[in-house]
Amino acid sequence: MRLLISLLLPWLTFFTIGRPIAGVICLILQITLIGWVPAAIWSVYALSQFKTDQKIEEALGRKEL
């Protein structure tokens, strides 16, 4: 679901992963029609990094127990 949001409304993805300042910057970039493509690419990249960070934290958390 977040992947679809990151393609259609890139700025909203940043708010869902807890990066509101990046969301505002992305919204400013998305306002221009030319900036939509870089904003979507940036949003998908940030979403993939967020998922990777979650997996790392989960793996490290399980090892400590």
PDB file of N, CA and C in Angstrom:
ATOM      1  N   MET A   1       0.825  -1.194   0.000  1.00  0.00           N
ATOM      2  CA  MET A   1       0.000   0.000   0.000  1.00  0.00           C
ATOM      3  C   MET A   1       0.870   1.260   0.000  1.00  0.00           C
ATOM      4  N   ARG A   2       1.944   1.236   0.824  1.00  0.00           N
ATOM      5  CA  ARG A   2       2.820   2.401   0.866  1.00  0.00           C
ATOM      6  C   ARG A   2       3.523   2.614  -0.466  1.00  0.00           C
ATOM      7  N   LEU A   3       3.796   1.540  -1.180  1.00  0.00           N
ATOM      8  CA  LEU A   3       4.443   1.694  -2.486  1.00  0.00           C
ATOM      9  C   LEU A   3       3.530   2.433  -3.454  1.00  0.00           C
ATOM     10  N   LEU A   4       2.261   2.116  -3.443  1.00  0.00           N
ATOM     11  CA  LEU A   4       1.297   2.815  -4.292  1.00  0.00           C
ATOM     12  C   LEU A   4       1.205   4.285  -3.898  1.00  0.00           C
ATOM     13  N   ILE A   5       1.188   4.547  -2.611  1.00  0.00           N
ATOM     14  CA  ILE A   5       1.151   5.930  -2.135  1.00  0.00           C
ATOM     15  C   ILE A   5       2.411   6.673  -2.563  1.00  0.00           C
ATOM     16  N   SER A   6       3.562   5.977  -2.497  1.00  0.00           N
ATOM     17  CA  SER A   6       4.807   6.661  -2.854  1.00  0.00           C
ATOM     18  C   SER A   6       4.875   7.012  -4.334  1.00  0.00           C
ATOM     19  N   LEU A   7       4.149   6.305  -5.163  1.00  0.00           N
ATOM     20  CA  LEU A   7       4.118   6.647  -6.589  1.00  0.00           C
ATOM     21  C   LEU A   7       3.097   7.730  -6.904  1.00  0.00           C
ATOM     22  N   LEU A   8       1.959   7.706  -6.218  1.00  0.00           N
ATOM     23  CA  LEU A   8       0.904   8.675  -6.510  1.00  0.00           C
ATOM     24  C   LEU A   8       1.045   9.973  -5.708  1.00  0.00           C
ATOM     25  N   LEU A   9       1.343   9.838  -4.422  1.00  0.00           N
ATOM     26  CA  LEU A   9       1.506  10.999  -3.539  1.00  0.00           C
ATOM     27  C   LEU A   9       2.808  10.842  -2.765  1.00  0.00           C
ATOM     28  N   PRO A  10       3.932  11.117  -3.415  1.00  0.00           N
ATOM     29  CA  PRO A  10       5.231  10.858  -2.781  1.00  0.00           C
ATOM     30  C   PRO A  10       5.415  11.532  -1.427  1.00  0.00           C
ATOM     31  N   TRP A  11       4.930  12.737  -1.259  1.00  0.00           N
ATOM     32  CA  TRP A  11       5.117  13.459  -0.001  1.00  0.00           C
ATOM     33  C   TRP A  11       4.444  12.761   1.163  1.00  0.00           C
ATOM     34  N   LEU A  12       3.336  12.089   0.915  1.00  0.00           N
ATOM     35  CA  LEU A  12       2.598  11.427   1.987  1.00  0.00           C
ATOM     36  C   LEU A  12       3.372  10.240   2.556  1.00  0.00           C
ATOM     37  N   THR A  13       4.175   9.609   1.737  1.00  0.00           N
ATOM     38  CA  THR A  13       4.975   8.470   2.194  1.00  0.00           C
ATOM     39  C   THR A  13       5.915   8.886   3.320  1.00  0.00           C
ATOM     40  N   PHE A  14       6.517  10.057   3.200  1.00  0.00           N
ATOM     41  CA  PHE A  14       7.450  10.513   4.225  1.00  0.00           C
ATOM     42  C   PHE A  14       6.754  10.734   5.562  1.00  0.00           C
ATOM     43  N   PHE A  15       5.514  11.175   5.515  1.00  0.00           N
ATOM     44  CA  PHE A  15       4.774  11.350   6.760  1.00  0.00           C
ATOM     45  C   PHE A  15       4.421   9.999   7.389  1.00  0.00           C
ATOM     46  N   THR A  16       4.183   8.978   6.574  1.00  0.00           N
ATOM     47  CA  THR A  16       3.841   7.661   7.119  1.00  0.00           C
ATOM     48  C   THR A  16       5.047   6.940   7.704  1.00  0.00           C
ATOM     49  N   ILE A  17       6.263   7.296   7.279  1.00  0.00           N
ATOM     50  CA  ILE A  17       7.446   6.642   7.829  1.00  0.00           C
ATOM     51  C   ILE A  17       8.126   7.512   8.885  1.00  0.00           C
ATOM     52  N   GLY A  18       7.505   8.619   9.250  1.00  0.00           N
ATOM     53  CA  GLY A  18       8.010   9.436  10.343  1.00  0.00           C
ATOM     54  C   GLY A  18       9.085  10.434   9.966  1.00  0.00           C
ATOM     55  N   ARG A  19       9.046  10.946   8.746  1.00  0.00           N
ATOM     56  CA  ARG A  19      10.017  11.957   8.299  1.00  0.00           C
ATOM     57  C   ARG A  19       9.259  13.170   7.747  1.00  0.00           C
ATOM     58  N   PRO A  20       8.647  13.982   8.627  1.00  0.00           N
ATOM     59  CA  PRO A  20       7.794  15.081   8.153  1.00  0.00           C
ATOM     60  C   PRO A  20       8.544  16.196   7.426  1.00  0.00           C
ATOM     61  N   ILE A  21       9.779  16.480   7.817  1.00  0.00           N
ATOM     62  CA  ILE A  21      10.522  17.550   7.137  1.00  0.00           C
ATOM     63  C   ILE A  21      10.812  17.148   5.700  1.00  0.00           C
ATOM     64  N   ALA A  22      11.200  15.898   5.500  1.00  0.00           N
ATOM     65  CA  ALA A  22      11.413  15.401   4.140  1.00  0.00           C
ATOM     66  C   ALA A  22      10.100  15.406   3.359  1.00  0.00           C
ATOM     67  N   GLY A  23       8.991  15.171   4.046  1.00  0.00           N
ATOM     68  CA  GLY A  23       7.682  15.213   3.396  1.00  0.00           C
ATOM     69  C   GLY A  23       7.345  16.596   2.869  1.00  0.00           C
ATOM     70  N   VAL A  24       7.660  17.613   3.637  1.00  0.00           N
ATOM     71  CA  VAL A  24       7.404  18.994   3.193  1.00  0.00           C
ATOM     72  C   VAL A  24       8.298  19.337   2.006  1.00  0.00           C
ATOM     73  N   ILE A  25       9.567  18.944   2.076  1.00  0.00           N
ATOM     74  CA  ILE A  25      10.476  19.205   0.958  1.00  0.00           C
ATOM     75  C   ILE A  25       9.999  18.475  -0.294  1.00  0.00           C
ATOM     76  N   CYS A  26       9.546  17.242  -0.121  1.00  0.00           N
ATOM     77  CA  CYS A  26       9.045  16.472  -1.256  1.00  0.00           C
ATOM     78  C   CYS A  26       7.773  17.101  -1.831  1.00  0.00           C
ATOM     79  N   LEU A  27       6.924  17.628  -0.969  1.00  0.00           N
ATOM     80  CA  LEU A  27       5.711  18.295  -1.446  1.00  0.00           C
ATOM     81  C   LEU A  27       6.066  19.514  -2.289  1.00  0.00           C
ATOM     82  N   ILE A  28       7.045  20.277  -1.859  1.00  0.00           N
ATOM     83  CA  ILE A  28       7.488  21.442  -2.638  1.00  0.00           C
ATOM     84  C   ILE A  28       8.032  20.981  -3.987  1.00  0.00           C
ATOM     85  N   LEU A  29       8.794  19.892  -3.990  1.00  0.00           N
ATOM     86  CA  LEU A  29       9.328  19.352  -5.237  1.00  0.00           C
ATOM     87  C   LEU A  29       8.209  18.832  -6.136  1.00  0.00           C
ATOM     88  N   GLN A  30       7.200  18.214  -5.530  1.00  0.00           N
ATOM     89  CA  GLN A  30       6.118  17.617  -6.296  1.00  0.00           C
ATOM     90  C   GLN A  30       5.187  18.668  -6.908  1.00  0.00           C
ATOM     91  N   ILE A  31       5.161  19.851  -6.371  1.00  0.00           N
ATOM     92  CA  ILE A  31       4.269  20.892  -6.890  1.00  0.00           C
ATOM     93  C   ILE A  31       4.557  21.174  -8.360  1.00  0.00           C
ATOM     94  N   THR A  32       5.825  21.128  -8.726  1.00  0.00           N
ATOM     95  CA  THR A  32       6.161  21.303 -10.131  1.00  0.00           C
ATOM     96  C   THR A  32       5.948  19.980 -10.856  1.00  0.00           C
ATOM     97  N   LEU A  33       5.477  20.022 -12.053  1.00  0.00           N
ATOM     98  CA  LEU A  33       5.206  18.810 -12.814  1.00  0.00           C
ATOM     99  C   LEU A  33       6.495  18.053 -13.117  1.00  0.00           C
ATOM    100  N   ILE A  34       7.566  18.784 -13.362  1.00  0.00           N
ATOM    101  CA  ILE A  34       8.849  18.157 -13.648  1.00  0.00           C
ATOM    102  C   ILE A  34       9.404  17.474 -12.391  1.00  0.00           C
ATOM    103  N   GLY A  35       9.112  18.028 -11.223  1.00  0.00           N
ATOM    104  CA  GLY A  35       9.618  17.483  -9.978  1.00  0.00           C
ATOM    105  C   GLY A  35       8.900  16.237  -9.500  1.00  0.00           C
ATOM    106  N   TRP A  36       7.786  15.872 -10.140  1.00  0.00           N
ATOM    107  CA  TRP A  36       7.018  14.712  -9.704  1.00  0.00           C
ATOM    108  C   TRP A  36       7.829  13.424  -9.816  1.00  0.00           C
ATOM    109  N   VAL A  37       8.532  13.232 -10.909  1.00  0.00           N
ATOM    110  CA  VAL A  37       9.302  12.008 -11.118  1.00  0.00           C
ATOM    111  C   VAL A  37      10.436  11.882 -10.096  1.00  0.00           C
ATOM    112  N   PRO A  38      11.266  12.919  -9.883  1.00  0.00           N
ATOM    113  CA  PRO A  38      12.289  12.786  -8.833  1.00  0.00           C
ATOM    114  C   PRO A  38      11.685  12.587  -7.441  1.00  0.00           C
ATOM    115  N   ALA A  39      10.552  13.222  -7.167  1.00  0.00           N
ATOM    116  CA  ALA A  39       9.903  13.055  -5.868  1.00  0.00           C
ATOM    117  C   ALA A  39       9.438  11.614  -5.682  1.00  0.00           C
ATOM    118  N   ALA A  40       8.894  11.016  -6.720  1.00  0.00           N
ATOM    119  CA  ALA A  40       8.442   9.622  -6.632  1.00  0.00           C
ATOM    120  C   ALA A  40       9.621   8.671  -6.457  1.00  0.00           C
ATOM    121  N   ILE A  41      10.706   8.921  -7.172  1.00  0.00           N
ATOM    122  CA  ILE A  41      11.901   8.077  -7.035  1.00  0.00           C
ATOM    123  C   ILE A  41      12.474   8.202  -5.625  1.00  0.00           C
ATOM    124  N   TRP A  42      12.548   9.407  -5.122  1.00  0.00           N
ATOM    125  CA  TRP A  42      13.061   9.641  -3.783  1.00  0.00           C
ATOM    126  C   TRP A  42      12.177   8.955  -2.741  1.00  0.00           C
ATOM    127  N   SER A  43      10.886   9.021  -2.937  1.00  0.00           N
ATOM    128  CA  SER A  43       9.938   8.408  -2.012  1.00  0.00           C
ATOM    129  C   SER A  43      10.066   6.885  -2.000  1.00  0.00           C
ATOM    130  N   VAL A  44      10.189   6.271  -3.162  1.00  0.00           N
ATOM    131  CA  VAL A  44      10.347   4.815  -3.234  1.00  0.00           C
ATOM    132  C   VAL A  44      11.660   4.399  -2.584  1.00  0.00           C
ATOM    133  N   TYR A  45      12.724   5.161  -2.823  1.00  0.00           N
ATOM    134  CA  TYR A  45      14.025   4.864  -2.211  1.00  0.00           C
ATOM    135  C   TYR A  45      13.948   4.972  -0.684  1.00  0.00           C
ATOM    136  N   ALA A  46      13.329   6.026  -0.186  1.00  0.00           N
ATOM    137  CA  ALA A  46      13.209   6.209   1.258  1.00  0.00           C
ATOM    138  C   ALA A  46      12.362   5.097   1.877  1.00  0.00           C
ATOM    139  N   LEU A  47      11.340   4.672   1.176  1.00  0.00           N
ATOM    140  CA  LEU A  47      10.496   3.582   1.674  1.00  0.00           C
ATOM    141  C   LEU A  47      11.284   2.282   1.744  1.00  0.00           C
ATOM    142  N   SER A  48      12.112   2.016   0.755  1.00  0.00           N
ATOM    143  CA  SER A  48      12.910   0.790   0.781  1.00  0.00           C
ATOM    144  C   SER A  48      13.935   0.836   1.916  1.00  0.00           C
ATOM    145  N   GLN A  49      14.521   2.002   2.165  1.00  0.00           N
ATOM    146  CA  GLN A  49      15.460   2.133   3.271  1.00  0.00           C
ATOM    147  C   GLN A  49      14.759   1.952   4.612  1.00  0.00           C
ATOM    148  N   PHE A  50      13.544   2.453   4.728  1.00  0.00           N
ATOM    149  CA  PHE A  50      12.768   2.317   5.952  1.00  0.00           C
ATOM    150  C   PHE A  50      12.485   0.845   6.237  1.00  0.00           C
ATOM    151  N   LYS A  51      12.100   0.107   5.204  1.00  0.00           N
ATOM    152  CA  LYS A  51      11.818  -1.318   5.385  1.00  0.00           C
ATOM    153  C   LYS A  51      13.082  -2.089   5.755  1.00  0.00           C
ATOM    154  N   THR A  52      14.210  -1.721   5.159  1.00  0.00           N
ATOM    155  CA  THR A  52      15.476  -2.367   5.487  1.00  0.00           C
ATOM    156  C   THR A  52      15.861  -2.092   6.936  1.00  0.00           C
ATOM    157  N   ASP A  53      15.702  -0.857   7.380  1.00  0.00           N
ATOM    158  CA  ASP A  53      16.011  -0.511   8.761  1.00  0.00           C
ATOM    159  C   ASP A  53      15.133  -1.282   9.735  1.00  0.00           C
ATOM    160  N   GLN A  54      13.862  -1.449   9.396  1.00  0.00           N
ATOM    161  CA  GLN A  54      12.960  -2.218  10.258  1.00  0.00           C
ATOM    162  C   GLN A  54      13.403  -3.676  10.354  1.00  0.00           C
ATOM    163  N   LYS A  55      13.818  -4.262   9.241  1.00  0.00           N
ATOM    164  CA  LYS A  55      14.264  -5.653   9.251  1.00  0.00           C
ATOM    165  C   LYS A  55      15.533  -5.818  10.074  1.00  0.00           C
ATOM    166  N   ILE A  56      16.454  -4.871   9.993  1.00  0.00           N
ATOM    167  CA  ILE A  56      17.689  -4.935  10.768  1.00  0.00           C
ATOM    168  C   ILE A  56      17.385  -4.832  12.262  1.00  0.00           C
ATOM    169  N   GLU A  57      16.529  -3.884  12.629  1.00  0.00           N
ATOM    170  CA  GLU A  57      16.164  -3.729  14.041  1.00  0.00           C
ATOM    171  C   GLU A  57      15.469  -4.986  14.561  1.00  0.00           C
ATOM    172  N   GLU A  58      14.622  -5.583  13.749  1.00  0.00           N
ATOM    173  CA  GLU A  58      13.927  -6.793  14.156  1.00  0.00           C
ATOM    174  C   GLU A  58      14.914  -7.940  14.348  1.00  0.00           C
ATOM    175  N   ALA A  59      15.868  -8.068  13.451  1.00  0.00           N
ATOM    176  CA  ALA A  59      16.849  -9.146  13.563  1.00  0.00           C
ATOM    177  C   ALA A  59      17.748  -8.955  14.779  1.00  0.00           C
ATOM    178  N   LEU A  60      18.196  -7.743  15.039  1.00  0.00           N
ATOM    179  CA  LEU A  60      19.026  -7.481  16.195  1.00  0.00           C
ATOM    180  C   LEU A  60      18.254  -7.620  17.491  1.00  0.00           C
ATOM    181  N   GLY A  61      17.010  -7.243  17.462  1.00  0.00           N
ATOM    182  CA  GLY A  61      16.161  -7.353  18.649  1.00  0.00           C
ATOM    183  C   GLY A  61      15.922  -8.792  19.056  1.00  0.00           C
ATOM    184  N   ARG A  62      15.773  -9.666  18.106  1.00  0.00           N
ATOM    185  CA  ARG A  62      15.537 -11.092  18.404  1.00  0.00           C
ATOM    186  C   ARG A  62      16.793 -11.760  18.926  1.00  0.00           C
ATOM    187  N   LYS A  63      17.974 -11.339  18.471  1.00  0.00           N
ATOM    188  CA  LYS A  63      19.225 -11.927  18.935  1.00  0.00           C
ATOM    189  C   LYS A  63      19.503 -11.584  20.393  1.00  0.00           C
ATOM    190  N   GLU A  64      19.080 -10.396  20.827  1.00  0.00           N
ATOM    191  CA  GLU A  64      19.333  -9.969  22.208  1.00  0.00           C
ATOM    192  C   GLU A  64      18.489 -10.755  23.197  1.00  0.00           C
ATOM    193  N   LEU A  65      17.352 -11.253  22.773  1.00  0.00           N
ATOM    194  CA  LEU A  65      16.496 -12.004  23.686  1.00  0.00           C
ATOM    195  C   LEU A  65      17.016 -13.378  23.806  1.00  0.00           C
TER     196      LEU A  65
END
